Structure formats: structure tokens, C-alpha cells
Amino acid sequence: MLPARKDEKQMLSGGIVQATVLPARCVVYVMDAYCGWCWGFSARIVEFEAASRHRVPFAAISGGLFTGQRARPISAYPHIPGANARIARLTGAHFGEAYQRVLEEGKLVMNSSDAGAALAALRDLAPQKTIHWTRQLQEAFYERGQSLSEPATIGGIAAAEGFDAAEVLRRLQDGSALGQAASDFALARQLGASTYPTLLFADGHKVQSLPATGTALEVLNERLDAVLA
């Protein structure tokens, strides 16, 4: 497998941050909080993790869908309304009224570096809740129409779960979470994830694909049974 050793350091965002490290054996969810198909899979991955976390750890990393020149206002992606309709039809995912207003206005900038930093900051607070944090971030955007570039959005998610919002804001403001997001993006590439959601089973240096969007919970459990055997 390709993640860095625990003692390895990387230079990211102008500072030294620890590279993203995965458990030696785990299910890896590669997602992007601004990815509609990940929103369509979000309820199922939560169910899957709840059903199987006693058997194997689950990890989540950000892939970096809208970074660099792709971090643009949502109106720059005219295919999104049609894609959302297909996602809703195939997965039952709900797109809230507040999100629909944001989509119609077209001004919100989807910046996956900020979204990835948000996941990293929340993950540092409670790694055991990583899959839960992915769902909470997507609910903020796809249900409530909130920008994931706004620190208040991320602090509010932490506070609602009983955590210290100030600690999350510190990680966002000092650049450590942004550096961790960049590390996530690099690890996603190392793992061969180029589309989202991607679900993997990692065991040492061996990485196997698992099915994702549209897969029934019982099928996911069966596939996990097979790779754990």
C-alpha cells in the first residue's frame, strides 16, 4: 500500500504537516464533499460503516474534485442540475431547497481544497467519526446550501456534535488542515482513485476495489466478507 510511514513528513502549504496515514488494514472511502454522486452514496456508506466497523476500521480521504482552475462558481458547471436529477432518481438522494436556491443563484464557489481542509479538521477532532463527518459536510451543502469555504459552517458542524468549534477554526486558520487536504489528494492519486466516490479495501500493499454508488448494503457486506476471508 502507498500511504506514508507514520514518521514521514511532507512540505505542504508553506509548512510541515504529517502525511495522511491509513490503518494497515481498512476500508478507504475516497470522496469529495462537493461531489453529487458522493452525496448519492453518503447514506449508504454511513450504513455500511455502522454495520461493519466492529470488523475493520473505516477511513475517509478527500479526492480534490474542484481544485486549482476547477474551483469555480457553481454556474460554471451547467451539467449539475441534470446530474442531480439522475442522482436523485438512482439513489433517492434529496437536494434541499436552500441548495436549490444556491444552484439557481450560481455564485457559490466550489473549492475542494477548502472542503478537504474541513474534513481534515473534523477528522482530527474525532477520527472514529470520519465517515459521519463526510455526511455532515455534504448535508451542510446539499441540504442547507452552506459554503464549505466558510469557517462558520465547519465550526457549526463541530459544535452541533459537542466538540470545540474554536479548535476546528484554529486548524483551518493556521493552514494545518489545508496542508492535510493536499496530503489527502496526493494519497487518493497514489491509491488510483480518479472518480468519486471510490471505495477500496486496503491490506498492506494490496488495494482492492469495492462497489460504491447504487450498491445494496447486503452486497457491500458480502464483498467485505470476501476480502476479509
C-alpha atoms as a PDB file:
ATOM      1  CA  MET A   1       0.000   0.000   0.000  1.00  0.00           C
ATOM      2  CA  LEU A   2       1.098   3.569  -0.621  1.00  0.00           C
ATOM      3  CA  PRO A   3       0.421   5.849   2.360  1.00  0.00           C
ATOM      4  CA  ALA A   4       3.384   7.428   4.088  1.00  0.00           C
ATOM      5  CA  ARG A   5       5.038   5.955   7.151  1.00  0.00           C
ATOM      6  CA  LYS A   6       3.945   7.479  10.428  1.00  0.00           C
ATOM      7  CA  ASP A   7       7.269   9.272  10.832  1.00  0.00           C
ATOM      8  CA  GLU A   8       7.295  10.699   7.309  1.00  0.00           C
ATOM      9  CA  LYS A   9       6.774  14.442   6.865  1.00  0.00           C
ATOM     10  CA  GLN A  10       5.807  16.494   3.826  1.00  0.00           C
ATOM     11  CA  MET A  11       6.179  20.164   2.970  1.00  0.00           C
ATOM     12  CA  LEU A  12       2.681  21.408   2.139  1.00  0.00           C
ATOM     13  CA  SER A  13       1.076  24.853   2.130  1.00  0.00           C
ATOM     14  CA  GLY A  14       4.232  26.503   3.347  1.00  0.00           C
ATOM     15  CA  GLY A  15       4.640  24.315   6.434  1.00  0.00           C
ATOM     16  CA  ILE A  16       5.421  20.824   7.612  1.00  0.00           C
ATOM     17  CA  VAL A  17       2.459  18.538   8.117  1.00  0.00           C
ATOM     18  CA  GLN A  18       2.265  14.842   8.760  1.00  0.00           C
ATOM     19  CA  ALA A  19       1.340  12.888   5.662  1.00  0.00           C
ATOM     20  CA  THR A  20      -2.029  11.162   5.620  1.00  0.00           C
ATOM     21  CA  VAL A  21      -1.638   7.741   7.219  1.00  0.00           C
ATOM     22  CA  LEU A  22      -4.189   4.954   6.919  1.00  0.00           C
ATOM     23  CA  PRO A  23      -4.602   1.931   9.175  1.00  0.00           C
ATOM     24  CA  ALA A  24      -2.691  -1.063   7.828  1.00  0.00           C
ATOM     25  CA  ARG A  25      -5.976  -2.815   7.021  1.00  0.00           C
ATOM     26  CA  CYS A  26      -9.067  -0.721   6.369  1.00  0.00           C
ATOM     27  CA  VAL A  27     -11.913   0.307   4.110  1.00  0.00           C
ATOM     28  CA  VAL A  28     -10.998   3.584   2.417  1.00  0.00           C
ATOM     29  CA  TYR A  29     -13.695   5.971   1.228  1.00  0.00           C
ATOM     30  CA  VAL A  30     -12.309   8.466  -1.306  1.00  0.00           C
ATOM     31  CA  MET A  31     -14.836  11.259  -1.724  1.00  0.00           C
ATOM     32  CA  ASP A  32     -15.322  14.947  -2.346  1.00  0.00           C
ATOM     33  CA  ALA A  33     -17.803  16.954  -0.330  1.00  0.00           C
ATOM     34  CA  TYR A  34     -18.845  18.854  -3.484  1.00  0.00           C
ATOM     35  CA  CYS A  35     -19.424  15.643  -5.473  1.00  0.00           C
ATOM     36  CA  GLY A  36     -23.092  14.941  -6.182  1.00  0.00           C
ATOM     37  CA  TRP A  37     -22.508  11.220  -6.677  1.00  0.00           C
ATOM     38  CA  CYS A  38     -20.838  11.104  -3.265  1.00  0.00           C
ATOM     39  CA  TRP A  39     -23.971  12.732  -1.855  1.00  0.00           C
ATOM     40  CA  GLY A  40     -25.951   9.967  -3.518  1.00  0.00           C
ATOM     41  CA  PHE A  41     -23.741   7.385  -1.773  1.00  0.00           C
ATOM     42  CA  SER A  42     -23.497   9.170   1.574  1.00  0.00           C
ATOM     43  CA  ALA A  43     -26.379   7.453   3.353  1.00  0.00           C
ATOM     44  CA  ARG A  44     -25.208   4.020   2.199  1.00  0.00           C
ATOM     45  CA  ILE A  45     -21.591   4.470   3.302  1.00  0.00           C
ATOM     46  CA  VAL A  46     -22.853   5.553   6.729  1.00  0.00           C
ATOM     47  CA  GLU A  47     -24.955   2.373   6.913  1.00  0.00           C
ATOM     48  CA  PHE A  48     -22.064   0.242   5.706  1.00  0.00           C
ATOM     49  CA  GLU A  49     -19.653   1.676   8.261  1.00  0.00           C
ATOM     50  CA  ALA A  50     -22.180   1.227  11.071  1.00  0.00           C
ATOM     51  CA  ALA A  51     -22.700  -2.417  10.082  1.00  0.00           C
ATOM     52  CA  SER A  52     -19.021  -3.311   9.723  1.00  0.00           C
ATOM     53  CA  ARG A  53     -16.852  -1.005  11.858  1.00  0.00           C
ATOM     54  CA  HIS A  54     -16.558  -3.730  14.502  1.00  0.00           C
ATOM     55  CA  ARG A  55     -14.725  -5.854  11.935  1.00  0.00           C
ATOM     56  CA  VAL A  56     -12.419  -3.362  10.229  1.00  0.00           C
ATOM     57  CA  PRO A  57     -11.596   0.362  10.514  1.00  0.00           C
ATOM     58  CA  PHE A  58     -13.065   2.800   8.014  1.00  0.00           C
ATOM     59  CA  ALA A  59     -11.137   5.829   6.744  1.00  0.00           C
ATOM     60  CA  ALA A  60     -12.183   8.741   4.547  1.00  0.00           C
ATOM     61  CA  ILE A  61      -9.972  10.987   2.451  1.00  0.00           C
ATOM     62  CA  SER A  62     -10.771  13.834   0.083  1.00  0.00           C
ATOM     63  CA  GLY A  63     -10.019  13.397  -3.607  1.00  0.00           C
ATOM     64  CA  GLY A  64      -9.931  17.028  -4.741  1.00  0.00           C
ATOM     65  CA  LEU A  65     -12.573  17.352  -7.460  1.00  0.00           C
ATOM     66  CA  PHE A  66     -12.701  21.156  -7.717  1.00  0.00           C
ATOM     67  CA  THR A  67      -9.196  22.470  -7.175  1.00  0.00           C
ATOM     68  CA  GLY A  68      -6.976  24.952  -8.992  1.00  0.00           C
ATOM     69  CA  GLN A  69      -8.708  26.310 -12.080  1.00  0.00           C
ATOM     70  CA  ARG A  70     -11.653  23.998 -11.452  1.00  0.00           C
ATOM     71  CA  ALA A  71     -12.534  25.836  -8.221  1.00  0.00           C
ATOM     72  CA  ARG A  72     -15.166  27.995  -9.876  1.00  0.00           C
ATOM     73  CA  PRO A  73     -18.720  29.248  -9.242  1.00  0.00           C
ATOM     74  CA  ILE A  74     -21.315  26.517  -9.440  1.00  0.00           C
ATOM     75  CA  SER A  75     -22.834  28.204 -12.518  1.00  0.00           C
ATOM     76  CA  ALA A  76     -19.650  27.291 -14.425  1.00  0.00           C
ATOM     77  CA  TYR A  77     -20.886  23.689 -14.407  1.00  0.00           C
ATOM     78  CA  PRO A  78     -24.212  23.732 -16.296  1.00  0.00           C
ATOM     79  CA  HIS A  79     -24.452  19.938 -16.261  1.00  0.00           C
ATOM     80  CA  ILE A  80     -25.063  19.878 -12.499  1.00  0.00           C
ATOM     81  CA  PRO A  81     -28.891  20.221 -12.464  1.00  0.00           C
ATOM     82  CA  GLY A  82     -29.271  17.319 -14.878  1.00  0.00           C
ATOM     83  CA  ALA A  83     -26.749  15.230 -12.962  1.00  0.00           C
ATOM     84  CA  ASN A  84     -28.581  15.950  -9.709  1.00  0.00           C
ATOM     85  CA  ALA A  85     -31.849  14.743 -11.210  1.00  0.00           C
ATOM     86  CA  ARG A  86     -30.182  11.497 -12.256  1.00  0.00           C
ATOM     87  CA  ILE A  87     -28.539  11.067  -8.838  1.00  0.00           C
ATOM     88  CA  ALA A  88     -31.869  11.615  -7.089  1.00  0.00           C
ATOM     89  CA  ARG A  89     -33.594   9.125  -9.389  1.00  0.00           C
ATOM     90  CA  LEU A  90     -30.959   6.411  -8.983  1.00  0.00           C
ATOM     91  CA  THR A  91     -30.125   6.803  -5.290  1.00  0.00           C
ATOM     92  CA  GLY A  92     -33.037   8.630  -3.677  1.00  0.00           C
ATOM     93  CA  ALA A  93     -30.731  11.446  -2.524  1.00  0.00           C
ATOM     94  CA  HIS A  94     -32.541  14.646  -1.542  1.00  0.00           C
ATOM     95  CA  PHE A  95     -31.376  18.082  -2.645  1.00  0.00           C
ATOM     96  CA  GLY A  96     -32.696  20.690  -0.236  1.00  0.00           C
ATOM     97  CA  GLU A  97     -34.493  23.922  -1.079  1.00  0.00           C
ATOM     98  CA  ALA A  98     -31.636  26.052   0.244  1.00  0.00           C
ATOM     99  CA  TYR A  99     -29.199  24.190  -2.012  1.00  0.00           C
ATOM    100  CA  GLN A 100     -31.537  24.625  -4.983  1.00  0.00           C
ATOM    101  CA  ARG A 101     -31.522  28.390  -4.377  1.00  0.00           C
ATOM    102  CA  VAL A 102     -27.725  28.373  -4.295  1.00  0.00           C
ATOM    103  CA  LEU A 103     -27.721  26.423  -7.547  1.00  0.00           C
ATOM    104  CA  GLU A 104     -30.090  28.922  -9.192  1.00  0.00           C
ATOM    105  CA  GLU A 105     -28.057  31.910  -7.992  1.00  0.00           C
ATOM    106  CA  GLY A 106     -24.902  30.294  -9.331  1.00  0.00           C
ATOM    107  CA  LYS A 107     -22.428  32.337  -7.256  1.00  0.00           C
ATOM    108  CA  LEU A 108     -21.141  29.883  -4.665  1.00  0.00           C
ATOM    109  CA  VAL A 109     -17.585  28.790  -5.467  1.00  0.00           C
ATOM    110  CA  MET A 110     -16.993  25.066  -5.061  1.00  0.00           C
ATOM    111  CA  ASN A 111     -13.450  24.831  -3.718  1.00  0.00           C
ATOM    112  CA  SER A 112     -12.463  21.281  -2.842  1.00  0.00           C
ATOM    113  CA  SER A 113      -9.284  22.412  -1.112  1.00  0.00           C
ATOM    114  CA  ASP A 114     -11.407  24.196   1.461  1.00  0.00           C
ATOM    115  CA  ALA A 115     -13.811  21.257   1.672  1.00  0.00           C
ATOM    116  CA  GLY A 116     -10.893  18.867   2.097  1.00  0.00           C
ATOM    117  CA  ALA A 117      -9.464  21.076   4.838  1.00  0.00           C
ATOM    118  CA  ALA A 118     -12.844  20.979   6.562  1.00  0.00           C
ATOM    119  CA  LEU A 119     -12.862  17.178   6.540  1.00  0.00           C
ATOM    120  CA  ALA A 120      -9.273  17.082   7.808  1.00  0.00           C
ATOM    121  CA  ALA A 121     -10.033  19.455  10.680  1.00  0.00           C
ATOM    122  CA  LEU A 122     -13.091  17.476  11.757  1.00  0.00           C
ATOM    123  CA  ARG A 123     -11.278  14.171  11.311  1.00  0.00           C
ATOM    124  CA  ASP A 124      -8.505  15.346  13.627  1.00  0.00           C
ATOM    125  CA  LEU A 125     -11.107  16.083  16.301  1.00  0.00           C
ATOM    126  CA  ALA A 126     -12.646  12.611  16.187  1.00  0.00           C
ATOM    127  CA  PRO A 127     -11.082  10.120  13.744  1.00  0.00           C
ATOM    128  CA  GLN A 128     -13.606   7.456  14.741  1.00  0.00           C
ATOM    129  CA  LYS A 129     -16.362   9.677  13.314  1.00  0.00           C
ATOM    130  CA  THR A 130     -14.698  10.215   9.926  1.00  0.00           C
ATOM    131  CA  ILE A 131     -17.487   8.674   7.849  1.00  0.00           C
ATOM    132  CA  HIS A 132     -20.032  10.634   9.874  1.00  0.00           C
ATOM    133  CA  TRP A 133     -18.139  13.867   9.147  1.00  0.00           C
ATOM    134  CA  THR A 134     -18.320  13.244   5.401  1.00  0.00           C
ATOM    135  CA  ARG A 135     -22.096  13.008   5.654  1.00  0.00           C
ATOM    136  CA  GLN A 136     -22.333  16.115   7.837  1.00  0.00           C
ATOM    137  CA  LEU A 137     -20.286  18.193   5.409  1.00  0.00           C
ATOM    138  CA  GLN A 138     -22.420  17.113   2.490  1.00  0.00           C
ATOM    139  CA  GLU A 139     -25.624  17.787   4.398  1.00  0.00           C
ATOM    140  CA  ALA A 140     -24.397  21.333   5.045  1.00  0.00           C
ATOM    141  CA  PHE A 141     -24.027  21.900   1.310  1.00  0.00           C
ATOM    142  CA  TYR A 142     -26.709  19.749  -0.307  1.00  0.00           C
ATOM    143  CA  GLU A 143     -29.431  20.302   2.286  1.00  0.00           C
ATOM    144  CA  ARG A 144     -28.679  23.729   3.786  1.00  0.00           C
ATOM    145  CA  GLY A 145     -26.861  25.364   0.887  1.00  0.00           C
ATOM    146  CA  GLN A 146     -23.884  26.362   3.033  1.00  0.00           C
ATOM    147  CA  SER A 147     -20.432  27.057   1.647  1.00  0.00           C
ATOM    148  CA  LEU A 148     -17.735  24.693   2.853  1.00  0.00           C
ATOM    149  CA  SER A 149     -15.245  27.539   2.459  1.00  0.00           C
ATOM    150  CA  GLU A 150     -16.891  29.366   5.368  1.00  0.00           C
ATOM    151  CA  PRO A 151     -15.211  28.529   8.686  1.00  0.00           C
ATOM    152  CA  ALA A 152     -18.508  29.213  10.472  1.00  0.00           C
ATOM    153  CA  THR A 153     -20.085  26.305   8.557  1.00  0.00           C
ATOM    154  CA  ILE A 154     -17.411  23.893   9.762  1.00  0.00           C
ATOM    155  CA  GLY A 155     -17.376  25.254  13.292  1.00  0.00           C
ATOM    156  CA  GLY A 156     -21.143  24.826  13.416  1.00  0.00           C
ATOM    157  CA  ILE A 157     -20.863  21.168  12.420  1.00  0.00           C
ATOM    158  CA  ALA A 158     -18.340  20.545  15.192  1.00  0.00           C
ATOM    159  CA  ALA A 159     -20.367  22.429  17.809  1.00  0.00           C
ATOM    160  CA  ALA A 160     -23.550  20.544  16.897  1.00  0.00           C
ATOM    161  CA  GLU A 161     -21.707  17.308  17.746  1.00  0.00           C
ATOM    162  CA  GLY A 162     -20.489  18.654  21.085  1.00  0.00           C
ATOM    163  CA  PHE A 163     -16.923  19.491  20.008  1.00  0.00           C
ATOM    164  CA  ASP A 164     -14.894  22.670  20.410  1.00  0.00           C
ATOM    165  CA  ALA A 165     -15.597  24.860  17.390  1.00  0.00           C
ATOM    166  CA  ALA A 166     -12.625  27.070  18.277  1.00  0.00           C
ATOM    167  CA  GLU A 167     -10.247  24.134  17.816  1.00  0.00           C
ATOM    168  CA  VAL A 168     -11.642  23.468  14.342  1.00  0.00           C
ATOM    169  CA  LEU A 169     -11.303  27.138  13.427  1.00  0.00           C
ATOM    170  CA  ARG A 170      -7.696  27.144  14.639  1.00  0.00           C
ATOM    171  CA  ARG A 171      -6.842  24.225  12.375  1.00  0.00           C
ATOM    172  CA  LEU A 172      -8.496  25.942   9.433  1.00  0.00           C
ATOM    173  CA  GLN A 173      -6.821  29.280  10.075  1.00  0.00           C
ATOM    174  CA  ASP A 174      -3.262  28.078  10.724  1.00  0.00           C
ATOM    175  CA  GLY A 175      -3.071  26.157   7.446  1.00  0.00           C
ATOM    176  CA  SER A 176      -2.596  22.726   9.000  1.00  0.00           C
ATOM    177  CA  ALA A 177      -5.951  21.433   7.766  1.00  0.00           C
ATOM    178  CA  LEU A 178      -5.306  22.777   4.261  1.00  0.00           C
ATOM    179  CA  GLY A 179      -1.962  21.007   4.217  1.00  0.00           C
ATOM    180  CA  GLN A 180      -3.644  17.804   5.302  1.00  0.00           C
ATOM    181  CA  ALA A 181      -6.153  18.180   2.470  1.00  0.00           C
ATOM    182  CA  ALA A 182      -3.285  18.383  -0.016  1.00  0.00           C
ATOM    183  CA  SER A 183      -1.863  15.228   1.529  1.00  0.00           C
ATOM    184  CA  ASP A 184      -5.252  13.552   1.110  1.00  0.00           C
ATOM    185  CA  PHE A 185      -5.337  14.491  -2.568  1.00  0.00           C
ATOM    186  CA  ALA A 186      -1.879  13.016  -3.096  1.00  0.00           C
ATOM    187  CA  LEU A 187      -2.830   9.790  -1.321  1.00  0.00           C
ATOM    188  CA  ALA A 188      -6.006   9.487  -3.401  1.00  0.00           C
ATOM    189  CA  ARG A 189      -3.869   9.634  -6.544  1.00  0.00           C
ATOM    190  CA  GLN A 190      -1.465   7.057  -5.130  1.00  0.00           C
ATOM    191  CA  LEU A 191      -4.392   4.749  -4.480  1.00  0.00           C
ATOM    192  CA  GLY A 192      -5.538   5.158  -8.089  1.00  0.00           C
ATOM    193  CA  ALA A 193      -8.785   6.977  -7.285  1.00  0.00           C
ATOM    194  CA  SER A 194      -9.709   9.296 -10.148  1.00  0.00           C
ATOM    195  CA  THR A 195     -13.503   9.332  -9.810  1.00  0.00           C
ATOM    196  CA  TYR A 196     -15.679   9.810  -6.756  1.00  0.00           C
ATOM    197  CA  PRO A 197     -16.934   8.087  -4.783  1.00  0.00           C
ATOM    198  CA  THR A 198     -14.280   5.367  -4.815  1.00  0.00           C
ATOM    199  CA  LEU A 199     -14.425   2.642  -2.183  1.00  0.00           C
ATOM    200  CA  LEU A 200     -11.377   0.484  -1.547  1.00  0.00           C
ATOM    201  CA  PHE A 201     -10.156  -2.230   0.771  1.00  0.00           C
ATOM    202  CA  ALA A 202      -6.505  -1.750   1.687  1.00  0.00           C
ATOM    203  CA  ASP A 203      -4.470  -4.533   3.269  1.00  0.00           C
ATOM    204  CA  GLY A 204      -0.780  -3.757   3.488  1.00  0.00           C
ATOM    205  CA  HIS A 205       0.410  -3.044  -0.052  1.00  0.00           C
ATOM    206  CA  LYS A 206      -2.660  -4.679  -1.606  1.00  0.00           C
ATOM    207  CA  VAL A 207      -5.590  -2.464  -2.606  1.00  0.00           C
ATOM    208  CA  GLN A 208      -8.882  -3.879  -3.909  1.00  0.00           C
ATOM    209  CA  SER A 209     -11.878  -2.020  -5.307  1.00  0.00           C
ATOM    210  CA  LEU A 210     -15.279  -2.295  -3.663  1.00  0.00           C
ATOM    211  CA  PRO A 211     -18.558  -1.274  -5.322  1.00  0.00           C
ATOM    212  CA  ALA A 212     -19.982   2.109  -4.392  1.00  0.00           C
ATOM    213  CA  THR A 213     -22.920   4.165  -5.718  1.00  0.00           C
ATOM    214  CA  GLY A 214     -26.091   2.159  -6.201  1.00  0.00           C
ATOM    215  CA  THR A 215     -24.845  -0.891  -4.304  1.00  0.00           C
ATOM    216  CA  ALA A 216     -27.168  -2.513  -1.790  1.00  0.00           C
ATOM    217  CA  LEU A 217     -25.940  -2.794   1.782  1.00  0.00           C
ATOM    218  CA  GLU A 218     -26.096  -6.582   1.722  1.00  0.00           C
ATOM    219  CA  VAL A 219     -23.873  -6.642  -1.372  1.00  0.00           C
ATOM    220  CA  LEU A 220     -21.324  -4.384   0.305  1.00  0.00           C
ATOM    221  CA  ASN A 221     -21.306  -6.647   3.346  1.00  0.00           C
ATOM    222  CA  GLU A 222     -20.850  -9.725   1.162  1.00  0.00           C
ATOM    223  CA  ARG A 223     -17.931  -8.141  -0.682  1.00  0.00           C
ATOM    224  CA  LEU A 224     -16.315  -7.177   2.581  1.00  0.00           C
ATOM    225  CA  ASP A 225     -16.801 -10.735   3.866  1.00  0.00           C
ATOM    226  CA  ALA A 226     -14.936 -11.972   0.800  1.00  0.00           C
ATOM    227  CA  VAL A 227     -11.934  -9.664   1.133  1.00  0.00           C
ATOM    228  CA  LEU A 228     -11.656 -10.254   4.886  1.00  0.00           C
ATOM    229  CA  ALA A 229     -11.720 -14.032   4.458  1.00  0.00           C
END
